[in-house]
C-alpha atoms as a PDB file:
ATOM      1  CA  MET A   1       0.000   0.000   0.000  1.00  0.00           C
ATOM      2  CA  SER A   2       1.471   3.341  -1.012  1.00  0.00           C
ATOM      3  CA  VAL A   3       0.188   6.900  -1.064  1.00  0.00           C
ATOM      4  CA  LYS A   4      -0.139   8.452  -4.527  1.00  0.00           C
ATOM      5  CA  ASN A   5      -1.033  11.761  -6.196  1.00  0.00           C
ATOM      6  CA  LEU A   6       0.279  13.767  -3.255  1.00  0.00           C
ATOM      7  CA  GLU A   7       0.407  16.906  -5.391  1.00  0.00           C
ATOM      8  CA  LEU A   8      -3.414  17.024  -5.211  1.00  0.00           C
ATOM      9  CA  TYR A   9      -3.355  16.943  -1.407  1.00  0.00           C
ATOM     10  CA  LYS A  10      -0.585  19.532  -1.294  1.00  0.00           C
ATOM     11  CA  SER A  11      -2.555  21.983  -3.435  1.00  0.00           C
ATOM     12  CA  HIS A  12      -5.676  21.333  -1.327  1.00  0.00           C
ATOM     13  CA  ILE A  13      -4.012  22.087   2.003  1.00  0.00           C
ATOM     14  CA  ASP A  14      -2.285  25.163   0.566  1.00  0.00           C
ATOM     15  CA  LYS A  15      -5.601  26.560  -0.722  1.00  0.00           C
ATOM     16  CA  TYR A  16      -8.087  25.418   1.934  1.00  0.00           C
ATOM     17  CA  GLY A  17      -5.882  24.876   5.021  1.00  0.00           C
ATOM     18  CA  PHE A  18      -6.608  21.145   5.400  1.00  0.00           C
ATOM     19  CA  SER A  19      -6.723  17.842   3.518  1.00  0.00           C
ATOM     20  CA  VAL A  20      -7.622  14.205   4.278  1.00  0.00           C
ATOM     21  CA  ILE A  21      -5.639  11.213   2.983  1.00  0.00           C
ATOM     22  CA  ASN A  22      -7.142   7.809   3.767  1.00  0.00           C
ATOM     23  CA  THR A  23      -5.328   4.425   3.806  1.00  0.00           C
ATOM     24  CA  VAL A  24      -1.938   5.814   4.864  1.00  0.00           C
ATOM     25  CA  PHE A  25      -1.601   3.115   7.552  1.00  0.00           C
ATOM     26  CA  SER A  26      -2.708  -0.506   7.079  1.00  0.00           C
ATOM     27  CA  ASP A  27      -4.986  -2.189   9.634  1.00  0.00           C
ATOM     28  CA  ASP A  28      -1.980  -4.165  10.902  1.00  0.00           C
ATOM     29  CA  GLU A  29       0.080  -0.988  11.356  1.00  0.00           C
ATOM     30  CA  VAL A  30      -2.765   0.644  13.291  1.00  0.00           C
ATOM     31  CA  GLU A  31      -3.112  -2.425  15.516  1.00  0.00           C
ATOM     32  CA  GLU A  32       0.614  -2.362  16.299  1.00  0.00           C
ATOM     33  CA  ILE A  33       0.312   1.267  17.419  1.00  0.00           C
ATOM     34  CA  ILE A  34      -2.784   0.479  19.521  1.00  0.00           C
ATOM     35  CA  ASN A  35      -0.981  -2.473  21.152  1.00  0.00           C
ATOM     36  CA  VAL A  36       1.823  -0.189  22.349  1.00  0.00           C
ATOM     37  CA  LEU A  37      -0.691   2.372  23.599  1.00  0.00           C
ATOM     38  CA  SER A  38      -2.670  -0.254  25.513  1.00  0.00           C
ATOM     39  CA  SER A  39       0.387  -1.293  27.533  1.00  0.00           C
ATOM     40  CA  ILE A  40       1.496   2.115  28.851  1.00  0.00           C
ATOM     41  CA  ASP A  41       1.418   3.308  32.462  1.00  0.00           C
ATOM     42  CA  THR A  42      -1.211   6.058  32.395  1.00  0.00           C
ATOM     43  CA  SER A  43      -0.283   7.674  35.715  1.00  0.00           C
ATOM     44  CA  ARG A  44       2.692   9.712  34.493  1.00  0.00           C
ATOM     45  CA  GLU A  45       2.902  13.502  34.835  1.00  0.00           C
ATOM     46  CA  ASN A  46       2.407  14.368  31.148  1.00  0.00           C
ATOM     47  CA  PHE A  47      -0.751  12.250  30.979  1.00  0.00           C
ATOM     48  CA  ARG A  48      -4.160  13.841  31.443  1.00  0.00           C
ATOM     49  CA  LYS A  49      -7.068  11.579  32.289  1.00  0.00           C
ATOM     50  CA  SER A  50     -10.754  12.346  32.805  1.00  0.00           C
ATOM     51  CA  GLU A  51     -14.076  10.724  31.935  1.00  0.00           C
ATOM     52  CA  ASP A  52     -14.141  12.724  28.701  1.00  0.00           C
ATOM     53  CA  LEU A  53     -10.544  12.684  27.543  1.00  0.00           C
ATOM     54  CA  PHE A  54      -7.219  10.931  27.902  1.00  0.00           C
ATOM     55  CA  ALA A  55      -4.253  12.861  26.529  1.00  0.00           C
ATOM     56  CA  ILE A  56      -0.482  12.391  26.445  1.00  0.00           C
ATOM     57  CA  ARG A  57       1.570  15.531  25.887  1.00  0.00           C
ATOM     58  CA  GLN A  58       5.113  15.268  24.470  1.00  0.00           C
ATOM     59  CA  PHE A  59       3.836  11.952  23.147  1.00  0.00           C
ATOM     60  CA  LEU A  60       6.862  10.866  21.105  1.00  0.00           C
ATOM     61  CA  LYS A  61       9.198  11.604  24.017  1.00  0.00           C
ATOM     62  CA  GLU A  62       6.966   9.822  26.528  1.00  0.00           C
ATOM     63  CA  ILE A  63       6.439   6.710  24.333  1.00  0.00           C
ATOM     64  CA  PRO A  64       9.678   6.429  22.314  1.00  0.00           C
ATOM     65  CA  ASP A  65       8.902   2.837  21.203  1.00  0.00           C
ATOM     66  CA  ILE A  66       6.067   4.130  19.065  1.00  0.00           C
ATOM     67  CA  LYS A  67       8.139   6.372  16.826  1.00  0.00           C
ATOM     68  CA  GLU A  68       9.203   3.685  14.343  1.00  0.00           C
ATOM     69  CA  LEU A  69       5.593   2.477  14.081  1.00  0.00           C
ATOM     70  CA  ILE A  70       4.383   5.975  13.209  1.00  0.00           C
ATOM     71  CA  PHE A  71       7.092   7.057  10.784  1.00  0.00           C
ATOM     72  CA  THR A  72       6.368   4.486   8.098  1.00  0.00           C
ATOM     73  CA  GLU A  73       7.553   4.923   4.516  1.00  0.00           C
ATOM     74  CA  ASN A  74       4.097   6.245   3.626  1.00  0.00           C
ATOM     75  CA  LEU A  75       4.137   8.919   6.330  1.00  0.00           C
ATOM     76  CA  LYS A  76       7.699   9.955   5.531  1.00  0.00           C
ATOM     77  CA  LYS A  77       6.695  10.335   1.881  1.00  0.00           C
ATOM     78  CA  VAL A  78       3.772  12.596   2.865  1.00  0.00           C
ATOM     79  CA  ILE A  79       6.073  14.780   4.984  1.00  0.00           C
ATOM     80  CA  ARG A  80       8.741  14.976   2.297  1.00  0.00           C
ATOM     81  CA  GLU A  81       6.473  15.629  -0.693  1.00  0.00           C
ATOM     82  CA  ILE A  82       3.782  17.837   0.871  1.00  0.00           C
ATOM     83  CA  PHE A  83       5.706  19.730   3.560  1.00  0.00           C
ATOM     84  CA  GLY A  84       9.305  19.641   2.322  1.00  0.00           C
ATOM     85  CA  GLU A  85      12.607  17.792   2.728  1.00  0.00           C
ATOM     86  CA  LYS A  86      13.717  19.686   5.844  1.00  0.00           C
ATOM     87  CA  TYR A  87      10.607  19.430   8.035  1.00  0.00           C
ATOM     88  CA  PHE A  88      11.003  17.969  11.539  1.00  0.00           C
ATOM     89  CA  VAL A  89       8.705  17.235  14.503  1.00  0.00           C
ATOM     90  CA  VAL A  90       8.128  20.157  16.896  1.00  0.00           C
ATOM     91  CA  LYS A  91       5.151  18.914  18.958  1.00  0.00           C
ATOM     92  CA  SER A  92       3.220  15.693  19.552  1.00  0.00           C
ATOM     93  CA  ILE A  93       0.055  14.823  21.494  1.00  0.00           C
ATOM     94  CA  TYR A  94      -2.091  11.701  21.743  1.00  0.00           C
ATOM     95  CA  PHE A  95      -5.843  12.131  22.293  1.00  0.00           C
ATOM     96  CA  ASP A  96      -8.287   9.407  23.260  1.00  0.00           C
ATOM     97  CA  LYS A  97     -11.907  10.571  23.251  1.00  0.00           C
ATOM     98  CA  PRO A  98     -13.820   7.650  24.857  1.00  0.00           C
ATOM     99  CA  GLU A  99     -17.114   6.236  23.631  1.00  0.00           C
ATOM    100  CA  THR A 100     -19.161   8.128  26.240  1.00  0.00           C
ATOM    101  CA  SER A 101     -17.293  11.419  25.958  1.00  0.00           C
ATOM    102  CA  ASN A 102     -19.130  14.729  26.265  1.00  0.00           C
ATOM    103  CA  TRP A 103     -15.917  16.541  25.335  1.00  0.00           C
ATOM    104  CA  TYR A 104     -16.271  19.135  22.624  1.00  0.00           C
ATOM    105  CA  VAL A 105     -13.903  21.826  21.387  1.00  0.00           C
ATOM    106  CA  ALA A 106     -15.117  25.251  20.268  1.00  0.00           C
ATOM    107  CA  TYR A 107     -13.742  26.814  17.082  1.00  0.00           C
ATOM    108  CA  HIS A 108     -10.166  28.056  17.528  1.00  0.00           C
ATOM    109  CA  GLN A 109      -6.775  28.406  15.837  1.00  0.00           C
ATOM    110  CA  ASP A 110      -3.623  26.743  17.221  1.00  0.00           C
ATOM    111  CA  LEU A 111      -1.651  29.879  18.045  1.00  0.00           C
ATOM    112  CA  THR A 112       1.106  28.624  20.343  1.00  0.00           C
ATOM    113  CA  ILE A 113       4.265  26.564  19.996  1.00  0.00           C
ATOM    114  CA  SER A 114       6.055  24.462  22.640  1.00  0.00           C
ATOM    115  CA  VAL A 115       9.523  25.730  23.548  1.00  0.00           C
ATOM    116  CA  ASP A 116      12.283  24.840  26.004  1.00  0.00           C
ATOM    117  CA  LYS A 117      12.367  28.021  28.111  1.00  0.00           C
ATOM    118  CA  LYS A 118      10.772  31.415  28.728  1.00  0.00           C
ATOM    119  CA  MET A 119      12.732  34.445  27.563  1.00  0.00           C
ATOM    120  CA  GLU A 120      12.130  37.990  26.369  1.00  0.00           C
ATOM    121  CA  LEU A 121      11.996  37.996  22.573  1.00  0.00           C
ATOM    122  CA  GLN A 122      10.457  40.592  20.303  1.00  0.00           C
ATOM    123  CA  GLY A 123       7.293  39.282  18.656  1.00  0.00           C
ATOM    124  CA  PHE A 124       6.912  36.347  21.079  1.00  0.00           C
ATOM    125  CA  GLY A 125       4.016  36.396  23.549  1.00  0.00           C
ATOM    126  CA  PRO A 126       1.836  35.878  25.453  1.00  0.00           C
ATOM    127  CA  TRP A 127       3.448  32.986  27.349  1.00  0.00           C
ATOM    128  CA  THR A 128       1.914  30.123  29.339  1.00  0.00           C
ATOM    129  CA  THR A 129       3.605  27.583  31.607  1.00  0.00           C
ATOM    130  CA  LYS A 130       2.083  24.244  32.655  1.00  0.00           C
ATOM    131  CA  GLN A 131       4.016  21.548  34.533  1.00  0.00           C
ATOM    132  CA  ASN A 132       7.295  23.200  33.525  1.00  0.00           C
ATOM    133  CA  GLN A 133       6.290  23.152  29.857  1.00  0.00           C
ATOM    134  CA  PHE A 134       6.489  26.492  28.084  1.00  0.00           C
ATOM    135  CA  ALA A 135       4.158  27.644  25.320  1.00  0.00           C
ATOM    136  CA  VAL A 136       4.216  30.959  23.485  1.00  0.00           C
ATOM    137  CA  GLN A 137       2.510  32.679  20.587  1.00  0.00           C
ATOM    138  CA  PRO A 138       5.282  33.275  18.034  1.00  0.00           C
ATOM    139  CA  PRO A 139       5.396  35.690  15.082  1.00  0.00           C
ATOM    140  CA  MET A 140       3.041  34.875  12.208  1.00  0.00           C
ATOM    141  CA  ASP A 141       5.735  33.618   9.835  1.00  0.00           C
ATOM    142  CA  ILE A 142       6.506  30.771  12.254  1.00  0.00           C
ATOM    143  CA  LEU A 143       2.822  29.821  12.648  1.00  0.00           C
ATOM    144  CA  GLU A 144       2.269  29.958   8.895  1.00  0.00           C
ATOM    145  CA  ASN A 145       5.196  27.595   8.352  1.00  0.00           C
ATOM    146  CA  ILE A 146       3.827  24.776  10.549  1.00  0.00           C
ATOM    147  CA  TYR A 147       1.944  21.727   9.269  1.00  0.00           C
ATOM    148  CA  THR A 148      -0.053  19.343  11.465  1.00  0.00           C
ATOM    149  CA  ILE A 149      -0.674  15.643  10.836  1.00  0.00           C
ATOM    150  CA  ARG A 150      -3.501  13.920  12.716  1.00  0.00           C
ATOM    151  CA  ILE A 151      -3.256  10.117  12.501  1.00  0.00           C
ATOM    152  CA  HIS A 152      -6.629   8.437  13.092  1.00  0.00           C
ATOM    153  CA  LEU A 153      -6.716   5.088  14.878  1.00  0.00           C
ATOM    154  CA  ASP A 154     -10.521   4.839  14.533  1.00  0.00           C
ATOM    155  CA  ASP A 155     -13.102   5.666  11.876  1.00  0.00           C
ATOM    156  CA  THR A 156     -14.089   9.230  12.694  1.00  0.00           C
ATOM    157  CA  ASP A 157     -17.089  11.245  11.533  1.00  0.00           C
ATOM    158  CA  GLU A 158     -19.334  14.023  12.839  1.00  0.00           C
ATOM    159  CA  ASN A 159     -20.863  11.608  15.383  1.00  0.00           C
ATOM    160  CA  ASN A 160     -17.633  10.861  17.272  1.00  0.00           C
ATOM    161  CA  GLY A 161     -15.778  14.131  17.192  1.00  0.00           C
ATOM    162  CA  ALA A 162     -14.359  14.506  13.690  1.00  0.00           C
ATOM    163  CA  LEU A 163     -12.790  17.916  13.266  1.00  0.00           C
ATOM    164  CA  LYS A 164     -14.927  20.585  11.667  1.00  0.00           C
ATOM    165  CA  VAL A 165     -12.989  23.311   9.871  1.00  0.00           C
ATOM    166  CA  ILE A 166     -13.586  26.594   8.084  1.00  0.00           C
ATOM    167  CA  PRO A 167     -11.904  26.329   4.652  1.00  0.00           C
ATOM    168  CA  GLU A 168      -9.390  29.076   3.751  1.00  0.00           C
ATOM    169  CA  SER A 169      -9.457  30.574   7.273  1.00  0.00           C
ATOM    170  CA  HIS A 170      -5.709  29.820   7.562  1.00  0.00           C
ATOM    171  CA  SER A 171      -4.987  32.643   5.122  1.00  0.00           C
ATOM    172  CA  LYS A 172      -6.769  35.341   7.146  1.00  0.00           C
ATOM    173  CA  GLY A 173      -4.237  35.886   9.938  1.00  0.00           C
ATOM    174  CA  ILE A 174      -5.432  35.858  13.551  1.00  0.00           C
ATOM    175  CA  TYR A 175      -9.140  35.092  13.192  1.00  0.00           C
ATOM    176  CA  ARG A 176     -11.158  35.363  16.409  1.00  0.00           C
ATOM    177  CA  PRO A 177     -13.926  32.727  16.534  1.00  0.00           C
ATOM    178  CA  GLU A 178     -16.464  35.242  17.826  1.00  0.00           C
ATOM    179  CA  THR A 179     -16.071  37.223  14.589  1.00  0.00           C
ATOM    180  CA  ILE A 180     -16.937  34.317  12.241  1.00  0.00           C
ATOM    181  CA  ASP A 181     -19.437  35.566   9.675  1.00  0.00           C
ATOM    182  CA  TRP A 182     -21.512  32.530   8.673  1.00  0.00           C
ATOM    183  CA  LYS A 183     -22.953  34.464   5.745  1.00  0.00           C
ATOM    184  CA  VAL A 184     -19.581  34.169   4.017  1.00  0.00           C
ATOM    185  CA  GLU A 185     -17.913  31.186   5.750  1.00  0.00           C
ATOM    186  CA  THR A 186     -18.746  27.506   5.341  1.00  0.00           C
ATOM    187  CA  GLU A 187     -18.115  24.543   7.636  1.00  0.00           C
ATOM    188  CA  ASN A 188     -16.478  21.324   6.485  1.00  0.00           C
ATOM    189  CA  ILE A 189     -16.592  18.080   8.525  1.00  0.00           C
ATOM    190  CA  CYS A 190     -13.364  16.111   8.092  1.00  0.00           C
ATOM    191  CA  ASN A 191     -14.385  12.457   8.171  1.00  0.00           C
ATOM    192  CA  VAL A 192     -11.294  10.247   8.346  1.00  0.00           C
ATOM    193  CA  ARG A 193     -11.141   6.470   8.111  1.00  0.00           C
ATOM    194  CA  LYS A 194      -9.113   4.312  10.489  1.00  0.00           C
ATOM    195  CA  GLY A 195      -5.526   4.430   9.246  1.00  0.00           C
ATOM    196  CA  GLY A 196      -6.090   7.729   7.459  1.00  0.00           C
ATOM    197  CA  ILE A 197      -4.601  11.124   8.248  1.00  0.00           C
ATOM    198  CA  MET A 198      -5.826  14.676   8.290  1.00  0.00           C
ATOM    199  CA  LEU A 199      -3.371  17.406   7.320  1.00  0.00           C
ATOM    200  CA  MET A 200      -3.970  20.898   8.654  1.00  0.00           C
ATOM    201  CA  LYS A 201      -2.420  24.327   8.920  1.00  0.00           C
ATOM    202  CA  PRO A 202      -2.607  25.491  12.579  1.00  0.00           C
ATOM    203  CA  LEU A 203      -4.235  28.804  11.598  1.00  0.00           C
ATOM    204  CA  THR A 204      -7.208  26.931  10.104  1.00  0.00           C
ATOM    205  CA  LEU A 205     -10.196  27.508  12.390  1.00  0.00           C
ATOM    206  CA  HIS A 206     -11.215  24.120  13.759  1.00  0.00           C
ATOM    207  CA  GLY A 207     -13.302  22.501  16.480  1.00  0.00           C
ATOM    208  CA  SER A 208     -15.161  19.264  17.260  1.00  0.00           C
ATOM    209  CA  ASN A 209     -18.519  18.150  18.606  1.00  0.00           C
ATOM    210  CA  ARG A 210     -19.427  15.764  21.393  1.00  0.00           C
ATOM    211  CA  THR A 211     -19.516  12.023  20.707  1.00  0.00           C
ATOM    212  CA  THR A 212     -23.058  10.820  20.043  1.00  0.00           C
ATOM    213  CA  ASN A 213     -22.602   7.363  18.473  1.00  0.00           C
ATOM    214  CA  GLY A 214     -20.790   5.535  21.286  1.00  0.00           C
ATOM    215  CA  LYS A 215     -17.591   5.089  19.282  1.00  0.00           C
ATOM    216  CA  LYS A 216     -14.016   5.888  20.290  1.00  0.00           C
ATOM    217  CA  ARG A 217     -11.883   8.556  18.631  1.00  0.00           C
ATOM    218  CA  ARG A 218      -8.135   8.072  19.095  1.00  0.00           C
ATOM    219  CA  VAL A 219      -5.843  10.525  17.315  1.00  0.00           C
ATOM    220  CA  ILE A 220      -2.097  11.149  17.231  1.00  0.00           C
ATOM    221  CA  HIS A 221      -1.456  14.866  16.607  1.00  0.00           C
ATOM    222  CA  ILE A 222       2.041  15.812  15.352  1.00  0.00           C
ATOM    223  CA  GLU A 223       3.241  19.281  14.303  1.00  0.00           C
ATOM    224  CA  PHE A 224       6.151  19.946  11.919  1.00  0.00           C
ATOM    225  CA  SER A 225       8.304  22.938  10.962  1.00  0.00           C
ATOM    226  CA  ASP A 226      11.550  23.516   9.078  1.00  0.00           C
ATOM    227  CA  MET A 227      12.399  26.789  10.875  1.00  0.00           C
ATOM    228  CA  GLU A 228      14.866  27.240  13.706  1.00  0.00           C
ATOM    229  CA  LEU A 229      13.768  29.627  16.456  1.00  0.00           C
ATOM    230  CA  PRO A 230      15.719  32.848  17.118  1.00  0.00           C
ATOM    231  CA  GLU A 231      18.542  33.343  19.614  1.00  0.00           C
ATOM    232  CA  ALA A 232      18.711  30.706  22.377  1.00  0.00           C
ATOM    233  CA  LEU A 233      15.088  29.589  22.072  1.00  0.00           C
ATOM    234  CA  LYS A 234      14.524  25.988  20.984  1.00  0.00           C
ATOM    235  CA  TRP A 235      11.543  23.799  20.105  1.00  0.00           C
ATOM    236  CA  SER A 236      10.893  21.677  23.203  1.00  0.00           C
ATOM    237  CA  GLU A 237      10.169  18.513  21.218  1.00  0.00           C
ATOM    238  CA  LYS A 238      12.376  18.871  18.175  1.00  0.00           C
ATOM    239  CA  MET A 239      13.133  15.528  16.581  1.00  0.00           C
ATOM    240  CA  ASN A 240      13.795  14.458  13.041  1.00  0.00           C
ATOM    241  CA  GLY A 241      11.244  12.012  11.638  1.00  0.00           C
END
């Protein structure tokens, strides 16, 4: 199984801010990933657990065994041909939205990056710190450079929290959700099959609804850039795929 016609997906994400590619991972590859996930100790500090959501921040650092299962030849081809030869991982999160989850996410843009320290830098701010992890809103050129891959371990549609997006919103700068004009904007539900991926620009307005069909939604969220940060600031999760 190999991914083809990537130029079509590249032009789609550039124009609309998102794209969906199904059958990137085989059923066997997905099961291998799920097997590793099912054996982890969920009590660690970077793990967040509630009735509505289980999340692992700094996922690839916390679960290093999973990296070779994720970066298959297919995924590396997507990164190389759609993003570019020099793109590397800058952030990773695992989300598990259980079957009974009431968790929903309002429309928003992803406006922060994860970095290794807090320091005064022109154009960087505001800052947040959680559990000694530093996040900051960087200048626009850095945000515009990032690509996100969301690997789906379950069939996902509007009934179990598939992302809904506003096409082309990534090209409108900082776009406050409360200013969305539904007379001119449209909503797109990004259904993704198990083993498929969703590609997204972080400035694309996106959100998700509550689960209503009693089905899981497990997603691995990985962000990529090919830019180094200024001065002594570094990406907190930088790793080459």
